[in-house]
Protein backbone atom coordinates (compact mmCIF):
# COMPACT_ATOMS: atom_id res chain seq x y z
CA MET A 1 101.56 95.43 96.28
CA SER A 2 104.66 97.40 95.55
CA GLY A 3 102.81 99.65 93.14
CA GLN A 4 99.49 100.60 91.66
CA THR A 5 97.47 98.78 89.05
CA LEU A 6 97.24 100.08 85.51
CA GLY A 7 94.20 99.70 83.30
CA GLN A 8 92.98 96.10 83.30
CA PRO A 9 95.33 93.98 85.44
CA PRO A 10 95.18 90.20 85.10
CA SER A 11 93.59 89.94 88.55
CA PRO A 12 93.19 92.17 91.64
CA LEU A 13 96.63 92.87 93.06
CA VAL A 14 96.67 93.01 96.83
CA GLY A 15 99.17 92.52 99.63
CA GLU A 16 102.91 92.70 99.45
CA GLY A 17 103.30 89.98 96.84
CA ARG A 18 105.77 87.95 98.89
CA GLY A 19 103.35 85.29 100.06
CA GLU A 20 104.91 82.25 101.67
CA GLY A 21 105.90 79.68 99.07
CA VAL A 22 105.36 81.97 96.09
CA THR A 23 107.77 81.33 93.24
CA LEU A 24 108.05 82.51 89.65
CA ALA A 25 107.79 78.99 88.23
CA GLY A 26 106.14 78.96 84.82
CA GLN A 27 106.59 82.70 84.32
CA HIS A 28 108.36 84.06 81.23
CA ILE A 29 109.84 87.42 82.29
CA ALA A 30 111.64 89.75 79.88
CA ILE A 31 114.11 92.19 81.45
CA THR A 32 114.62 95.07 79.03
CA ARG A 33 117.55 96.84 80.65
CA PRO A 34 120.76 97.35 78.63
CA VAL A 35 123.44 94.68 78.61
CA GLY A 36 125.49 94.84 81.80
CA GLN A 37 122.64 96.20 83.91
CA ALA A 38 120.18 93.31 83.96
CA ALA A 39 122.27 90.42 85.35
CA PRO A 40 121.40 90.75 89.08
CA LEU A 41 117.64 90.78 88.46
CA LEU A 42 117.88 87.98 85.89
CA LYS A 43 119.68 85.79 88.43
CA ARG A 44 117.11 86.49 91.15
CA ILE A 45 114.26 85.59 88.80
CA GLN A 46 115.98 82.33 87.85
CA ALA A 47 116.59 81.52 91.52
CA LEU A 48 112.83 81.80 92.09
CA GLY A 49 112.07 79.40 89.26
CA GLY A 50 111.13 81.88 86.55
CA GLU A 51 112.38 81.94 82.98
CA ALA A 52 114.43 85.14 82.85
CA ILE A 53 114.66 86.50 79.32
CA PRO A 54 117.41 89.09 78.65
CA LEU A 55 115.83 91.51 76.18
CA PRO A 56 117.95 94.69 76.01
CA LEU A 57 116.05 97.28 74.00
CA LEU A 58 118.72 100.00 74.19
CA LYS A 59 122.48 99.99 73.81
CA ILE A 60 124.50 102.49 75.82
CA ALA A 61 127.17 104.05 73.60
CA PRO A 62 129.46 107.09 73.63
CA PRO A 63 127.76 110.29 72.46
CA ALA A 64 127.82 111.31 68.82
CA THR A 65 130.19 114.12 69.82
CA PRO A 66 132.48 112.59 72.47
CA ILE A 67 133.77 114.70 75.33
CA SER A 68 137.49 114.51 76.06
CA PRO A 69 138.87 113.67 79.53
CA ASP A 70 140.46 117.12 79.74
CA ALA A 71 137.19 118.87 78.88
CA LEU A 72 135.24 116.85 81.44
CA LYS A 73 137.89 117.52 84.07
CA ARG A 74 137.69 121.27 83.46
CA GLN A 75 133.92 121.20 83.82
CA CYS A 76 134.17 119.23 87.06
CA GLN A 77 136.78 121.61 88.50
CA ALA A 78 134.55 124.61 87.77
CA ALA A 79 131.45 123.09 89.40
CA ASP A 80 130.15 123.60 92.92
CA LEU A 81 127.97 120.51 92.54
CA ILE A 82 127.93 117.66 90.01
CA ALA A 83 124.59 115.92 89.46
CA PHE A 84 124.39 112.52 87.75
CA ILE A 85 121.14 111.79 85.97
CA SER A 86 121.41 107.97 85.87
CA PRO A 87 123.68 104.99 86.58
CA ASN A 88 124.70 105.14 82.91
CA ALA A 89 125.82 108.73 83.39
CA ALA A 90 128.03 107.70 86.30
CA ARG A 91 129.53 104.67 84.55
CA MET A 92 130.19 106.41 81.24
CA ALA A 93 131.65 109.52 82.90
CA LEU A 94 134.05 107.35 84.86
CA GLN A 95 135.12 105.62 81.67
CA ILE A 96 136.06 109.04 80.28
CA LEU A 97 137.69 110.40 83.42
CA SER A 98 138.95 107.90 85.97
CA ARG A 99 138.17 108.37 89.67
CA ALA A 100 141.76 109.44 90.41
CA HIS A 101 141.40 112.51 88.18
CA TRP A 102 138.17 113.92 89.64
CA PRO A 103 138.57 117.07 91.76
CA PRO A 104 139.00 116.21 95.45
CA GLY A 105 136.15 117.23 97.70
CA VAL A 106 133.69 117.95 94.88
CA ARG A 107 130.03 117.63 95.93
CA LEU A 108 128.12 114.92 94.10
CA ALA A 109 124.37 114.38 93.74
CA CYS A 110 122.32 111.83 91.83
CA VAL A 111 118.71 110.96 91.10
CA GLY A 112 118.44 107.55 92.77
CA GLN A 113 120.00 104.76 94.77
CA GLY A 114 121.14 102.88 91.64
CA THR A 115 123.23 105.85 90.55
CA ALA A 116 124.54 106.27 94.09
CA ARG A 117 125.67 102.65 94.13
CA ALA A 118 127.56 103.16 90.87
CA LEU A 119 129.36 106.16 92.38
CA HIS A 120 130.08 104.37 95.66
CA ALA A 121 131.49 101.41 93.72
CA ALA A 122 133.89 103.81 92.00
CA GLY A 123 135.14 105.09 95.34
CA PHE A 124 133.05 108.20 95.94
CA GLY A 125 131.91 108.28 99.54
CA ASP A 126 129.56 111.20 100.19
CA VAL A 127 126.79 111.37 97.59
CA LEU A 128 123.62 113.42 97.91
CA VAL A 129 120.69 111.19 96.92
CA PRO A 130 116.95 111.14 97.69
CA SER A 131 115.87 108.50 100.19
CA ASP A 132 112.63 108.02 98.25
CA GLY A 133 112.11 108.26 94.52
CA ALA A 134 114.53 107.93 91.64
CA ASN A 135 113.88 110.89 89.37
CA SER A 136 114.55 114.59 88.91
CA GLU A 137 111.54 115.55 91.03
CA ALA A 138 112.90 113.65 94.04
CA LEU A 139 116.34 115.21 93.69
CA LEU A 140 114.92 118.71 93.30
CA ALA A 141 112.91 118.27 96.50
CA LEU A 142 116.06 117.94 98.62
CA PRO A 143 116.84 121.07 100.68
CA GLU A 144 120.37 121.21 99.25
CA LEU A 145 118.95 121.65 95.75
CA CYS A 146 116.45 124.34 96.76
CA ALA A 147 118.97 127.02 97.76
CA VAL A 148 121.37 127.05 94.80
CA ARG A 149 121.39 130.68 93.72
CA GLY A 150 124.85 131.65 92.47
CA GLN A 151 126.09 128.05 92.38
CA ARG A 152 127.55 126.41 89.29
CA ILE A 153 126.00 122.97 88.78
CA LEU A 154 127.21 120.42 86.25
CA ILE A 155 124.62 117.88 85.07
CA VAL A 156 126.17 114.67 83.75
CA ARG A 157 123.66 113.03 81.40
CA GLY A 158 122.95 111.32 78.10
CA GLU A 159 121.80 112.78 74.82
CA GLY A 160 118.19 113.93 74.84
CA GLY A 161 116.04 113.22 77.86
CA ARG A 162 114.08 115.50 80.16
CA THR A 163 115.13 119.07 80.88
CA LEU A 164 113.25 119.42 84.18
CA LEU A 165 116.34 119.26 86.39
CA ALA A 166 118.30 121.85 84.40
CA ASP A 167 115.32 124.15 83.90
CA THR A 168 114.35 124.12 87.59
CA LEU A 169 117.89 124.67 88.86
CA ALA A 170 118.32 127.57 86.43
CA ALA A 171 115.03 129.05 87.63
CA ARG A 172 116.35 128.81 91.19
CA GLY A 173 119.35 130.92 90.22
CA ALA A 174 122.02 128.34 89.49
CA GLN A 175 124.36 128.43 86.52
CA VAL A 176 123.80 125.08 84.84
CA ASP A 177 126.31 123.32 82.60
CA HIS A 178 125.99 119.94 80.87
CA ALA A 179 128.36 117.05 80.22
CA VAL A 180 126.83 114.65 77.70
CA VAL A 181 128.63 111.33 78.21
CA TYR A 182 126.45 108.73 76.48
CA ARG A 183 123.60 108.05 74.09
CA ARG A 184 121.01 105.30 73.77
CA LEU A 185 120.81 103.30 70.55
CA PRO A 186 117.72 101.18 69.80
CA LEU A 187 117.95 97.38 69.73
CA PRO A 188 114.69 96.20 68.12
CA PRO A 189 113.64 92.77 69.47
CA ASP A 190 112.38 89.77 67.50
CA LEU A 191 108.74 89.70 68.55
CA THR A 192 108.06 86.61 66.45
CA ALA A 193 110.44 84.60 68.65
CA LEU A 194 108.93 86.08 71.81
CA ARG A 195 105.40 85.22 70.72
CA ARG A 196 106.35 81.56 70.55
CA ARG A 197 106.87 81.60 74.33
CA GLY A 198 103.21 82.43 74.90
CA ALA A 199 102.50 84.86 77.75
CA VAL A 200 105.41 87.14 78.64
CA THR A 201 105.74 89.66 81.46
CA PHE A 202 107.80 92.68 80.40
CA VAL A 203 109.78 94.69 82.96
CA ILE A 204 110.15 98.20 81.53
CA THR A 205 112.32 100.84 83.21
CA SER A 206 112.64 103.35 80.35
CA SER A 207 110.07 105.15 78.18
CA GLU A 208 112.56 105.12 75.32
CA ALA A 209 112.96 101.34 75.62
CA LEU A 210 109.18 100.96 75.59
CA GLN A 211 109.06 102.95 72.35
CA VAL A 212 111.58 100.54 70.80
CA LEU A 213 109.46 97.57 71.86
CA VAL A 214 106.26 99.00 70.39
CA ASN A 215 108.01 99.99 67.17
CA ALA A 216 109.03 96.34 66.76
CA ALA A 217 105.36 95.37 66.46
CA ARG A 218 105.27 95.88 62.69
CA ASP A 219 101.99 94.04 62.04
CA GLN A 220 98.61 94.02 63.73
CA ALA A 221 99.01 90.48 65.07
CA SER A 222 102.22 91.45 66.88
CA LEU A 223 100.65 94.61 68.28
CA ASP A 224 97.57 92.70 69.43
CA TRP A 225 99.81 90.12 71.15
CA LEU A 226 101.83 92.87 72.84
CA ARG A 227 98.67 94.47 74.20
CA GLU A 228 97.68 91.15 75.79
CA GLN A 229 100.92 90.86 77.77
CA ILE A 230 101.55 92.04 81.31
CA PHE A 231 103.89 94.95 82.02
CA VAL A 232 105.74 96.05 85.15
CA PHE A 233 106.46 99.75 84.70
CA GLY A 234 109.31 101.30 86.67
CA HIS A 235 107.78 104.80 86.81
CA PRO A 236 104.35 106.43 86.32
CA ARG A 237 105.76 108.38 83.36
CA ILE A 238 106.60 105.09 81.62
CA ALA A 239 103.12 103.79 82.36
CA GLU A 240 101.62 106.87 80.71
CA THR A 241 103.61 106.02 77.58
CA GLY A 242 102.27 102.49 77.83
CA ARG A 243 98.68 103.72 78.06
CA ALA A 244 99.17 105.77 74.90
CA PHE A 245 100.13 102.57 73.08
CA GLY A 246 97.21 100.60 74.49
CA LEU A 247 99.32 98.59 76.94
CA LEU A 248 96.84 98.42 79.78
CA ARG A 249 97.61 95.13 81.53
CA GLY A 250 100.15 95.90 84.18
CA ILE A 251 101.27 97.64 87.33
CA ILE A 252 103.39 100.63 88.28
CA VAL A 253 106.06 100.04 90.91
CA ASP A 254 107.22 102.61 93.43
CA SER A 255 110.85 102.34 92.33
CA PRO A 256 112.87 100.88 89.44
CA ALA A 257 115.13 99.14 91.98
CA ASP A 258 115.45 95.36 91.74
CA ASP A 259 113.71 94.75 95.09
CA ALA A 260 110.61 96.67 94.02
CA LEU A 261 110.49 95.01 90.61
CA LEU A 262 110.87 91.54 92.12
CA THR A 263 108.14 92.24 94.67
CA ALA A 264 105.83 93.23 91.83
CA LEU A 265 106.65 90.08 89.88
CA LEU A 266 105.99 87.90 92.93
CA GLY A 267 102.70 89.70 93.49
CA LEU A 268 101.63 88.89 89.96
CA ALA A 269 102.63 85.24 90.41
CA GLN A 270 100.77 85.04 93.72
CA ASN A 271 97.55 86.24 92.13
CA LYS A 272 97.85 83.68 89.34
CA ARG A 273 97.88 80.76 91.81
C-alpha cells in the first residue's frame, strides 16, 4: 500500500494497490483541494471509472493585508534564499510579482515536488526541493538548510500555518523574513447532498480543510455518517486531526502527490473486490 492504515480500515490493506484490472468503478471519491488544483486528479479518477466529486473546502484568496509588488520585490532582492511553503505560495507570489521582475540568480527552495512544479512552470530552473517528503521537516533536513548562519531567508507563505520552518531556521542562525501572499477561506460543503450518494471516500490534503468538513456536520446524524466514511489522508499530521474527530476509517499516504493518492484509492478498490 502507498501508506499506513488508520484506526479501523474497511479491510486489510496490502500490496501496492495497482492490481491488474483494478478500476474505481462504483466508487464515489471527493477531492477536497481548492478550485484549480484538483482537476488532474479528478480526471484520472474518472478515467478509471470512478465518480470524481469536486469538493473544494478552502478558497485561496489574497491576504487580508495585501503585499505590493514593490514590497515583495524588495524582500526578494534582500534575501539569500527564498523558501516557498506550498504551491499556493508560489502561484500567488507570481501573481503579485511576475517572473520577469524576480531578482536574477536568487536561490529558491520549496517544501515539495508540487511546489517545485509550480515554480518550474513559471520559468524557474534550479529549485532546491526534498526528494522525499513534502513538508517543513523534509526541507529542513537538506544539507543546504542546515548551515544557514548569517543568511537572510525569505519564507513565502499564507496567513497562519505552522512556524516550524521559521523557528528552526532562526535557531540555526538565519535572519528570517516573511512574505504573506495568500489566505485560506472556508467553503462549507452541503453534507446532506453528499449523504444521498451513500458511501464516499474523502481525499484530504489539508488539516484546515478537514476542520471545515467536520464543522459542516451540524447534527449528530451527519457526524455519524461522516465517521462511517473512508478517508485518504495526505500527511500523518492530517490523520491525527482526523483521529481527534473520530474519523478512524482510512489510510495515510506517503505523499500528497496525485500518484500516491491514486495508488491509495486503487488499493482501497482492490480490497473491496
